[in-house]
C-alpha atoms as a PDB file:
ATOM      1  CA  MET A   1      92.919 136.646 147.962  1.00  0.00           C
ATOM      2  CA  GLY A   2      90.105 134.551 146.464  1.00  0.00           C
ATOM      3  CA  ALA A   3      90.690 136.147 143.063  1.00  0.00           C
ATOM      4  CA  ILE A   4      94.360 135.181 143.176  1.00  0.00           C
ATOM      5  CA  GLN A   5      93.496 131.604 144.138  1.00  0.00           C
ATOM      6  CA  GLN A   6      90.894 131.421 141.353  1.00  0.00           C
ATOM      7  CA  ARG A   7      93.367 132.805 138.805  1.00  0.00           C
ATOM      8  CA  LEU A   8      95.990 130.295 139.964  1.00  0.00           C
ATOM      9  CA  GLU A   9      93.518 127.440 139.467  1.00  0.00           C
ATOM     10  CA  GLN A  10      92.661 128.735 135.982  1.00  0.00           C
ATOM     11  CA  LEU A  11      96.322 128.869 135.074  1.00  0.00           C
ATOM     12  CA  ASN A  12      96.865 125.366 136.465  1.00  0.00           C
ATOM     13  CA  ARG A  13      93.949 124.020 134.387  1.00  0.00           C
ATOM     14  CA  ALA A  14      95.202 125.820 131.291  1.00  0.00           C
ATOM     15  CA  THR A  15      98.669 124.368 131.863  1.00  0.00           C
ATOM     16  CA  GLU A  16      97.252 120.861 132.311  1.00  0.00           C
ATOM     17  CA  ILE A  17      95.195 121.193 129.123  1.00  0.00           C
ATOM     18  CA  ALA A  18      98.176 122.502 127.152  1.00  0.00           C
ATOM     19  CA  THR A  19     100.396 119.736 128.511  1.00  0.00           C
ATOM     20  CA  GLN A  20      97.830 117.041 127.681  1.00  0.00           C
ATOM     21  CA  THR A  21      97.356 118.484 124.193  1.00  0.00           C
ATOM     22  CA  GLN A  22     101.099 118.414 123.554  1.00  0.00           C
ATOM     23  CA  TYR A  23     101.298 114.882 124.947  1.00  0.00           C
ATOM     24  CA  ASP A  24      98.485 113.764 122.628  1.00  0.00           C
ATOM     25  CA  ARG A  25     100.131 115.423 119.640  1.00  0.00           C
ATOM     26  CA  ALA A  26     103.446 113.789 120.454  1.00  0.00           C
ATOM     27  CA  GLY A  27     101.708 110.419 120.776  1.00  0.00           C
ATOM     28  CA  ASN A  28     100.057 110.888 117.400  1.00  0.00           C
ATOM     29  CA  GLU A  29     103.367 111.874 115.822  1.00  0.00           C
ATOM     30  CA  ILE A  30     105.040 108.801 117.293  1.00  0.00           C
ATOM     31  CA  GLU A  31     102.257 106.563 115.962  1.00  0.00           C
ATOM     32  CA  MET A  32     102.564 108.139 112.520  1.00  0.00           C
ATOM     33  CA  ALA A  33     106.345 107.764 112.577  1.00  0.00           C
ATOM     34  CA  ASP A  34     106.035 104.108 113.617  1.00  0.00           C
ATOM     35  CA  ALA A  35     103.592 103.497 110.766  1.00  0.00           C
ATOM     36  CA  GLU A  36     105.960 105.126 108.272  1.00  0.00           C
ATOM     37  CA  ILE A  37     108.889 103.094 109.600  1.00  0.00           C
ATOM     38  CA  ALA A  38     106.857  99.904 109.198  1.00  0.00           C
ATOM     39  CA  ARG A  39     105.879 100.931 105.666  1.00  0.00           C
ATOM     40  CA  PHE A  40     109.519 101.694 104.833  1.00  0.00           C
ATOM     41  CA  ARG A  41     110.627  98.302 106.194  1.00  0.00           C
ATOM     42  CA  ALA A  42     107.975  96.579 104.082  1.00  0.00           C
ATOM     43  CA  ILE A  43     109.239  98.429 101.011  1.00  0.00           C
ATOM     44  CA  LEU A  44     112.828  97.417 101.805  1.00  0.00           C
ATOM     45  CA  HIS A  45     111.699  93.799 102.147  1.00  0.00           C
ATOM     46  CA  GLN A  46     109.985  93.984  98.757  1.00  0.00           C
ATOM     47  CA  ILE A  47     113.141  95.478  97.246  1.00  0.00           C
ATOM     48  CA  ASP A  48     115.168  92.583  98.673  1.00  0.00           C
ATOM     49  CA  GLU A  49     112.710  90.108  97.147  1.00  0.00           C
ATOM     50  CA  LEU A  50     112.946  91.845  93.771  1.00  0.00           C
ATOM     51  CA  GLU A  51     116.743  91.777  93.906  1.00  0.00           C
ATOM     52  CA  ASN A  52     116.573  88.030  94.565  1.00  0.00           C
ATOM     53  CA  GLU A  53     114.255  87.597  91.581  1.00  0.00           C
ATOM     54  CA  PHE A  54     116.624  89.599  89.373  1.00  0.00           C
ATOM     55  CA  ASP A  55     119.490  87.375  90.539  1.00  0.00           C
ATOM     56  CA  LYS A  56     117.447  84.316  89.530  1.00  0.00           C
ATOM     57  CA  ILE A  57     116.774  85.859  86.122  1.00  0.00           C
ATOM     58  CA  ARG A  58     120.503  86.530  85.647  1.00  0.00           C
ATOM     59  CA  ARG A  59     121.292  82.902  86.513  1.00  0.00           C
ATOM     60  CA  ILE A  60     118.639  81.637  84.106  1.00  0.00           C
ATOM     61  CA  ARG A  61     120.021  83.911  81.380  1.00  0.00           C
ATOM     62  CA  GLU A  62     123.485  82.422  81.897  1.00  0.00           C
ATOM     63  CA  ILE A  63     122.060  78.887  81.729  1.00  0.00           C
ATOM     64  CA  VAL A  64     120.210  79.736  78.515  1.00  0.00           C
ATOM     65  CA  ARG A  65     123.376  81.204  77.004  1.00  0.00           C
ATOM     66  CA  SER A  66     125.263  78.064  77.938  1.00  0.00           C
ATOM     67  CA  PHE A  67     122.599  75.826  76.372  1.00  0.00           C
ATOM     68  CA  ARG A  68     122.504  78.012  73.264  1.00  0.00           C
ATOM     69  CA  ALA A  69     126.281  77.722  72.910  1.00  0.00           C
ATOM     70  CA  ARG A  70     126.064  73.925  73.276  1.00  0.00           C
ATOM     71  CA  VAL A  71     123.294  73.698  70.691  1.00  0.00           C
ATOM     72  CA  GLU A  72     125.260  75.853  68.251  1.00  0.00           C
ATOM     73  CA  MET A  73     128.331  73.692  68.813  1.00  0.00           C
ATOM     74  CA  LEU A  74     126.315  70.514  68.174  1.00  0.00           C
ATOM     75  CA  GLU A  75     124.798  72.059  65.048  1.00  0.00           C
ATOM     76  CA  ARG A  76     128.289  72.790  63.734  1.00  0.00           C
ATOM     77  CA  ARG A  77     129.399  69.212  64.477  1.00  0.00           C
ATOM     78  CA  ILE A  78     126.351  67.703  62.820  1.00  0.00           C
ATOM     79  CA  GLY A  79     125.952  70.127  59.990  1.00  0.00           C
END
């Protein structure tokens, strides 16, 4: 009877260790996933900022084209 009780305790300890190990692994995976999600969000934010900068460049290009057209028109009037 003592051997059965001892074996039961060993199995209980082994189960607790295995459960704790799995819990720790899951916690680590969650932390890693959270870090990757944060990194991905930061990248998306940077992409949004770049898109805004490209929009500004497009607007500036249109302004420059407009000024160039005005200058060319004035040159034709004067010249």
